[in-house]
Amino acid sequence: MKQWLIAGTLVLAGIAGSVALAKDSAAGSLAPNQCFRIHDIQNTVQVSQTRLNILTNDHRYIRLDTTGRCFNPPFSDYFVIQERGSDWVCSPVDVDISAGPAGFKTPCIVAKLAQMSAAEVSAIPKKEKP
C-alpha cells in the first residue's frame, strides 16, 4: 500500500512539473500572429553574449535571448539556425541555434523570443539594428 502511495505522489509531482514547464515555455513565446519562418530572416545582429536581434522579410524585429553565453565577444561568431520539423518559429523550442568558430559550434538554449514594439525598435542603437 505504501508503495502505491509513493508512486501516486511521484506521478502527481511529475504532472505538476510538466504543467509548470509548459507555463514557463509559453511565457517566452511569440503570440500566434507574431510567428515567423526561418527562411524569412533577412538579417541578424549579435548584441551580446546572450542576445540576437532578428529582422524578418516583413520588417518585424524579433529579440532572441539565450540561457547562458552563446555568442563570444566581439559578437561576430558564425551561427547556424536550423529547422526543427517545421520552419515556423513561435516558441523557444522551435529554434535550434548553435554558435562559435568554424568547426567548433556549440548548441545554444533559447530562453525567450519577443517581437519588439515600434518604440523598442526606434531605441535600438544603430550598431545593434539588423
N, C-alpha and C. Protein backbone atom coordinates (compact mmCIF):
# COMPACT_ATOMS: atom_id res chain seq x y z
N MET A 1 0.83 -1.20 0.00
CA MET A 1 0.00 0.00 0.00
C MET A 1 0.87 1.26 0.00
N LYS A 2 1.94 1.21 0.81
CA LYS A 2 2.82 2.36 0.91
C LYS A 2 3.51 2.64 -0.44
N GLN A 3 3.85 1.55 -1.19
CA GLN A 3 4.50 1.73 -2.49
C GLN A 3 3.56 2.43 -3.47
N TRP A 4 2.27 2.11 -3.44
CA TRP A 4 1.30 2.75 -4.34
C TRP A 4 1.16 4.23 -4.02
N LEU A 5 1.17 4.54 -2.74
CA LEU A 5 1.07 5.93 -2.32
C LEU A 5 2.27 6.74 -2.81
N ILE A 6 3.47 6.16 -2.69
CA ILE A 6 4.68 6.85 -3.14
C ILE A 6 4.64 7.01 -4.66
N ALA A 7 4.26 5.95 -5.37
CA ALA A 7 4.19 6.02 -6.83
C ALA A 7 3.17 7.06 -7.29
N GLY A 8 2.02 7.13 -6.63
CA GLY A 8 1.00 8.12 -6.97
C GLY A 8 1.48 9.54 -6.73
N THR A 9 2.21 9.72 -5.64
CA THR A 9 2.77 11.04 -5.33
C THR A 9 3.78 11.47 -6.38
N LEU A 10 4.62 10.52 -6.81
CA LEU A 10 5.62 10.84 -7.83
C LEU A 10 4.96 11.19 -9.17
N VAL A 11 3.89 10.48 -9.53
CA VAL A 11 3.18 10.78 -10.78
C VAL A 11 2.58 12.18 -10.71
N LEU A 12 1.93 12.52 -9.59
CA LEU A 12 1.35 13.86 -9.44
C LEU A 12 2.42 14.93 -9.48
N ALA A 13 3.57 14.68 -8.87
CA ALA A 13 4.66 15.66 -8.89
C ALA A 13 5.17 15.85 -10.32
N GLY A 14 5.26 14.77 -11.08
CA GLY A 14 5.69 14.85 -12.47
C GLY A 14 4.72 15.65 -13.31
N ILE A 15 3.42 15.45 -13.10
CA ILE A 15 2.40 16.20 -13.84
C ILE A 15 2.47 17.68 -13.49
N ALA A 16 2.63 17.99 -12.23
CA ALA A 16 2.72 19.38 -11.80
C ALA A 16 3.95 20.04 -12.40
N GLY A 17 5.07 19.32 -12.44
CA GLY A 17 6.29 19.86 -13.05
C GLY A 17 6.12 20.11 -14.53
N SER A 18 5.42 19.22 -15.22
CA SER A 18 5.18 19.39 -16.66
C SER A 18 4.32 20.61 -16.93
N VAL A 19 3.31 20.82 -16.10
CA VAL A 19 2.43 21.99 -16.26
C VAL A 19 3.23 23.26 -16.03
N ALA A 20 4.08 23.28 -15.00
CA ALA A 20 4.89 24.46 -14.71
C ALA A 20 5.86 24.73 -15.86
N LEU A 21 6.45 23.67 -16.42
CA LEU A 21 7.37 23.83 -17.54
C LEU A 21 6.64 24.39 -18.76
N ALA A 22 5.43 23.91 -19.02
CA ALA A 22 4.66 24.40 -20.15
C ALA A 22 4.32 25.88 -19.98
N LYS A 23 3.99 26.29 -18.75
CA LYS A 23 3.70 27.70 -18.50
C LYS A 23 4.94 28.55 -18.72
N ASP A 24 6.11 28.06 -18.24
CA ASP A 24 7.35 28.81 -18.41
C ASP A 24 7.71 28.96 -19.88
N SER A 25 7.57 27.88 -20.67
CA SER A 25 7.96 27.98 -22.08
C SER A 25 6.98 28.86 -22.86
N ALA A 26 5.71 28.89 -22.47
CA ALA A 26 4.74 29.74 -23.14
C ALA A 26 5.03 31.21 -22.85
N ALA A 27 5.61 31.50 -21.70
CA ALA A 27 5.89 32.88 -21.33
C ALA A 27 6.94 33.50 -22.24
N GLY A 28 7.86 32.71 -22.78
CA GLY A 28 8.90 33.24 -23.65
C GLY A 28 8.58 33.10 -25.13
N SER A 29 7.32 32.79 -25.44
CA SER A 29 6.92 32.54 -26.82
C SER A 29 6.31 33.78 -27.46
N LEU A 30 6.23 33.73 -28.78
CA LEU A 30 5.56 34.79 -29.53
C LEU A 30 4.06 34.53 -29.56
N ALA A 31 3.27 35.57 -29.73
CA ALA A 31 1.84 35.41 -29.94
C ALA A 31 1.64 34.70 -31.28
N PRO A 32 0.54 33.95 -31.44
CA PRO A 32 0.34 33.20 -32.69
C PRO A 32 0.47 34.06 -33.95
N ASN A 33 0.04 35.30 -33.91
CA ASN A 33 0.14 36.16 -35.10
C ASN A 33 1.53 36.77 -35.27
N GLN A 34 2.48 36.47 -34.37
CA GLN A 34 3.83 37.00 -34.45
C GLN A 34 4.86 35.96 -34.91
N CYS A 35 4.41 34.73 -35.14
CA CYS A 35 5.32 33.68 -35.57
C CYS A 35 5.95 34.05 -36.91
N PHE A 36 7.12 33.53 -37.17
CA PHE A 36 7.80 33.79 -38.44
C PHE A 36 8.47 32.51 -38.92
N ARG A 37 8.84 32.49 -40.18
CA ARG A 37 9.54 31.34 -40.76
C ARG A 37 11.04 31.61 -40.75
N ILE A 38 11.79 30.56 -40.53
CA ILE A 38 13.25 30.71 -40.51
C ILE A 38 13.75 31.30 -41.82
N HIS A 39 13.19 30.86 -42.94
CA HIS A 39 13.69 31.38 -44.22
C HIS A 39 13.27 32.83 -44.46
N ASP A 40 12.46 33.42 -43.57
CA ASP A 40 12.08 34.83 -43.67
C ASP A 40 13.02 35.75 -42.89
N ILE A 41 14.07 35.18 -42.30
CA ILE A 41 15.05 36.02 -41.61
C ILE A 41 15.87 36.77 -42.66
N GLN A 42 15.82 38.09 -42.59
CA GLN A 42 16.52 38.92 -43.55
C GLN A 42 17.93 39.27 -43.07
N ASN A 43 18.04 39.58 -41.76
CA ASN A 43 19.32 39.99 -41.21
C ASN A 43 19.32 39.76 -39.70
N THR A 44 20.51 39.67 -39.12
CA THR A 44 20.65 39.50 -37.67
C THR A 44 21.84 40.29 -37.17
N VAL A 45 21.81 40.61 -35.88
CA VAL A 45 22.95 41.25 -35.22
C VAL A 45 23.10 40.61 -33.85
N GLN A 46 24.32 40.16 -33.55
CA GLN A 46 24.62 39.64 -32.22
C GLN A 46 24.86 40.83 -31.32
N VAL A 47 23.97 41.03 -30.35
CA VAL A 47 24.02 42.21 -29.49
C VAL A 47 24.91 41.98 -28.28
N SER A 48 24.82 40.80 -27.70
CA SER A 48 25.60 40.48 -26.51
C SER A 48 25.86 38.97 -26.50
N GLN A 49 26.40 38.49 -25.42
CA GLN A 49 26.67 37.06 -25.29
C GLN A 49 25.39 36.23 -25.26
N THR A 50 24.27 36.88 -24.95
CA THR A 50 23.02 36.14 -24.80
C THR A 50 21.88 36.66 -25.67
N ARG A 51 22.16 37.63 -26.56
CA ARG A 51 21.06 38.24 -27.31
C ARG A 51 21.39 38.36 -28.79
N LEU A 52 20.35 38.07 -29.60
CA LEU A 52 20.42 38.21 -31.06
C LEU A 52 19.19 38.99 -31.50
N ASN A 53 19.40 40.07 -32.25
CA ASN A 53 18.29 40.81 -32.84
C ASN A 53 18.08 40.31 -34.26
N ILE A 54 16.83 40.05 -34.61
CA ILE A 54 16.49 39.49 -35.92
C ILE A 54 15.55 40.44 -36.65
N LEU A 55 15.81 40.63 -37.94
CA LEU A 55 14.91 41.38 -38.81
C LEU A 55 14.32 40.39 -39.80
N THR A 56 12.99 40.38 -39.92
CA THR A 56 12.34 39.46 -40.86
C THR A 56 12.04 40.19 -42.17
N ASN A 57 11.72 39.42 -43.20
CA ASN A 57 11.42 39.99 -44.52
C ASN A 57 10.24 40.96 -44.50
N ASP A 58 9.32 40.77 -43.54
CA ASP A 58 8.18 41.69 -43.46
C ASP A 58 8.44 42.84 -42.46
N HIS A 59 9.73 43.11 -42.22
CA HIS A 59 10.19 44.27 -41.44
C HIS A 59 9.76 44.23 -39.97
N ARG A 60 9.72 43.04 -39.40
CA ARG A 60 9.48 42.91 -37.96
C ARG A 60 10.82 42.62 -37.28
N TYR A 61 10.97 43.13 -36.08
CA TYR A 61 12.18 42.92 -35.30
C TYR A 61 11.86 41.95 -34.16
N ILE A 62 12.66 40.90 -34.07
CA ILE A 62 12.48 39.88 -33.04
C ILE A 62 13.73 39.86 -32.17
N ARG A 63 13.54 39.82 -30.87
CA ARG A 63 14.65 39.70 -29.92
C ARG A 63 14.72 38.24 -29.47
N LEU A 64 15.88 37.61 -29.62
CA LEU A 64 16.09 36.23 -29.20
C LEU A 64 17.08 36.24 -28.06
N ASP A 65 16.67 35.74 -26.90
CA ASP A 65 17.54 35.66 -25.73
C ASP A 65 17.87 34.20 -25.44
N THR A 66 19.14 33.94 -25.11
CA THR A 66 19.56 32.58 -24.79
C THR A 66 19.81 32.44 -23.30
N THR A 67 19.81 31.21 -22.86
CA THR A 67 20.16 30.89 -21.48
C THR A 67 21.67 30.67 -21.45
N GLY A 68 22.36 31.48 -20.73
CA GLY A 68 23.81 31.36 -20.69
C GLY A 68 24.45 31.95 -21.93
N ARG A 69 25.76 31.92 -21.94
CA ARG A 69 26.53 32.53 -23.02
C ARG A 69 26.41 31.71 -24.30
N CYS A 70 26.10 32.38 -25.39
CA CYS A 70 26.01 31.73 -26.70
C CYS A 70 27.02 32.35 -27.66
N PHE A 71 27.09 33.67 -27.68
CA PHE A 71 27.96 34.39 -28.62
C PHE A 71 29.15 34.96 -27.87
N ASN A 72 30.33 34.81 -28.46
CA ASN A 72 31.55 35.31 -27.83
C ASN A 72 31.89 36.70 -28.35
N PRO A 73 32.45 37.57 -27.49
CA PRO A 73 32.90 38.87 -27.97
C PRO A 73 33.94 38.67 -29.07
N PRO A 74 34.03 39.47 -30.07
CA PRO A 74 33.33 40.71 -30.35
C PRO A 74 31.99 40.50 -31.03
N PHE A 75 31.32 39.40 -30.78
CA PHE A 75 29.99 39.09 -31.29
C PHE A 75 29.95 39.01 -32.81
N SER A 76 30.97 38.37 -33.34
CA SER A 76 31.00 38.15 -34.79
C SER A 76 31.12 36.66 -35.10
N ASP A 77 30.76 35.81 -34.13
CA ASP A 77 30.81 34.37 -34.36
C ASP A 77 29.82 33.97 -35.43
N TYR A 78 30.19 32.95 -36.15
CA TYR A 78 29.24 32.36 -37.08
C TYR A 78 28.23 31.58 -36.26
N PHE A 79 26.99 31.60 -36.69
CA PHE A 79 25.98 30.80 -36.02
C PHE A 79 25.06 30.19 -37.06
N VAL A 80 24.40 29.13 -36.66
CA VAL A 80 23.51 28.40 -37.55
C VAL A 80 22.17 28.26 -36.86
N ILE A 81 21.10 28.60 -37.57
CA ILE A 81 19.75 28.36 -37.09
C ILE A 81 19.14 27.31 -38.01
N GLN A 82 18.75 26.18 -37.43
CA GLN A 82 18.20 25.09 -38.21
C GLN A 82 16.73 24.88 -37.86
N GLU A 83 16.02 24.28 -38.81
CA GLU A 83 14.61 23.94 -38.58
C GLU A 83 14.52 22.74 -37.66
N ARG A 84 13.47 22.73 -36.87
CA ARG A 84 13.13 21.57 -36.05
C ARG A 84 11.77 21.09 -36.52
N GLY A 85 11.74 20.26 -37.54
CA GLY A 85 10.46 19.81 -38.08
C GLY A 85 9.90 20.84 -39.03
N SER A 86 9.14 21.77 -38.52
CA SER A 86 8.56 22.85 -39.31
C SER A 86 9.52 24.04 -39.31
N ASP A 87 9.41 24.91 -40.32
CA ASP A 87 10.27 26.09 -40.31
C ASP A 87 9.61 27.28 -39.62
N TRP A 88 8.43 27.07 -39.03
CA TRP A 88 7.75 28.13 -38.27
C TRP A 88 8.39 28.27 -36.90
N VAL A 89 8.64 29.51 -36.49
CA VAL A 89 9.18 29.80 -35.17
C VAL A 89 8.12 30.56 -34.38
N CYS A 90 7.65 29.93 -33.31
CA CYS A 90 6.66 30.55 -32.43
C CYS A 90 7.12 30.55 -30.97
N SER A 91 8.00 29.62 -30.63
CA SER A 91 8.44 29.50 -29.25
C SER A 91 9.93 29.14 -29.22
N PRO A 92 10.57 29.28 -28.07
CA PRO A 92 11.99 28.97 -27.97
C PRO A 92 12.36 27.55 -28.41
N VAL A 93 11.48 26.59 -28.20
CA VAL A 93 11.81 25.21 -28.59
C VAL A 93 11.80 25.02 -30.10
N ASP A 94 11.27 25.98 -30.84
CA ASP A 94 11.25 25.90 -32.31
C ASP A 94 12.57 26.31 -32.92
N VAL A 95 13.49 26.86 -32.13
CA VAL A 95 14.75 27.38 -32.64
C VAL A 95 15.88 26.46 -32.22
N ASP A 96 16.60 25.94 -33.20
CA ASP A 96 17.78 25.13 -32.97
C ASP A 96 18.97 25.96 -33.44
N ILE A 97 19.65 26.59 -32.50
CA ILE A 97 20.75 27.50 -32.84
C ILE A 97 22.05 27.00 -32.22
N SER A 98 23.13 27.12 -32.98
CA SER A 98 24.45 26.81 -32.46
C SER A 98 25.40 27.90 -32.96
N ALA A 99 26.41 28.21 -32.15
CA ALA A 99 27.31 29.32 -32.48
C ALA A 99 28.73 28.97 -32.09
N GLY A 100 29.65 29.69 -32.70
CA GLY A 100 31.06 29.52 -32.38
C GLY A 100 31.91 29.56 -33.62
N PRO A 101 33.23 29.46 -33.43
CA PRO A 101 34.11 29.49 -34.58
C PRO A 101 33.90 28.27 -35.47
N ALA A 102 34.30 28.40 -36.71
CA ALA A 102 34.11 27.31 -37.67
C ALA A 102 34.68 26.00 -37.12
N GLY A 103 33.88 24.96 -37.19
CA GLY A 103 34.31 23.65 -36.71
C GLY A 103 34.08 23.40 -35.23
N PHE A 104 33.69 24.42 -34.48
CA PHE A 104 33.51 24.28 -33.04
C PHE A 104 32.18 24.85 -32.58
N LYS A 105 31.12 24.59 -33.31
CA LYS A 105 29.80 25.12 -32.97
C LYS A 105 29.29 24.47 -31.68
N THR A 106 28.73 25.29 -30.82
CA THR A 106 28.16 24.83 -29.56
C THR A 106 26.67 25.13 -29.58
N PRO A 107 25.84 24.13 -29.22
CA PRO A 107 24.39 24.39 -29.17
C PRO A 107 24.05 25.44 -28.12
N CYS A 108 23.09 26.27 -28.43
CA CYS A 108 22.62 27.31 -27.50
C CYS A 108 21.17 27.01 -27.14
N ILE A 109 20.79 27.32 -25.93
CA ILE A 109 19.42 27.12 -25.48
C ILE A 109 18.70 28.46 -25.55
N VAL A 110 17.66 28.52 -26.36
CA VAL A 110 16.89 29.75 -26.49
C VAL A 110 15.91 29.84 -25.33
N ALA A 111 15.97 30.95 -24.60
CA ALA A 111 15.12 31.14 -23.43
C ALA A 111 13.85 31.92 -23.77
N LYS A 112 13.97 32.90 -24.68
CA LYS A 112 12.84 33.80 -24.91
C LYS A 112 12.90 34.40 -26.31
N LEU A 113 11.73 34.54 -26.92
CA LEU A 113 11.56 35.26 -28.18
C LEU A 113 10.55 36.36 -27.93
N ALA A 114 10.80 37.55 -28.46
CA ALA A 114 9.85 38.65 -28.29
C ALA A 114 9.88 39.54 -29.51
N GLN A 115 8.70 39.88 -30.01
CA GLN A 115 8.63 40.85 -31.10
C GLN A 115 8.74 42.23 -30.48
N MET A 116 9.62 43.05 -31.03
CA MET A 116 9.85 44.39 -30.48
C MET A 116 8.78 45.36 -30.97
N SER A 117 8.39 46.25 -30.08
CA SER A 117 7.43 47.29 -30.44
C SER A 117 8.15 48.36 -31.25
N ALA A 118 7.39 49.26 -31.86
CA ALA A 118 7.96 50.36 -32.64
C ALA A 118 8.87 51.22 -31.76
N ALA A 119 8.46 51.44 -30.52
CA ALA A 119 9.28 52.24 -29.59
C ALA A 119 10.59 51.53 -29.27
N GLU A 120 10.55 50.23 -29.08
CA GLU A 120 11.77 49.47 -28.81
C GLU A 120 12.71 49.50 -30.01
N VAL A 121 12.14 49.36 -31.21
CA VAL A 121 12.96 49.38 -32.43
C VAL A 121 13.63 50.74 -32.61
N SER A 122 12.90 51.81 -32.37
CA SER A 122 13.49 53.15 -32.54
C SER A 122 14.57 53.43 -31.49
N ALA A 123 14.53 52.72 -30.36
CA ALA A 123 15.52 52.92 -29.30
C ALA A 123 16.77 52.06 -29.49
N ILE A 124 16.77 51.16 -30.48
CA ILE A 124 17.92 50.30 -30.71
C ILE A 124 19.06 51.15 -31.28
N PRO A 125 20.26 51.08 -30.68
CA PRO A 125 21.39 51.80 -31.27
C PRO A 125 21.69 51.26 -32.67
N LYS A 126 22.20 52.11 -33.54
CA LYS A 126 22.42 51.75 -34.93
C LYS A 126 23.24 50.47 -35.09
N LYS A 127 24.27 50.30 -34.27
CA LYS A 127 25.15 49.12 -34.40
C LYS A 127 24.45 47.82 -33.97
N GLU A 128 23.33 47.92 -33.24
CA GLU A 128 22.60 46.73 -32.81
C GLU A 128 21.36 46.46 -33.67
N LYS A 129 21.16 47.28 -34.70
CA LYS A 129 19.99 47.13 -35.55
C LYS A 129 20.34 46.26 -36.75
N PRO A 130 19.59 45.16 -36.94
CA PRO A 130 19.88 44.31 -38.10
C PRO A 130 19.54 44.99 -39.42
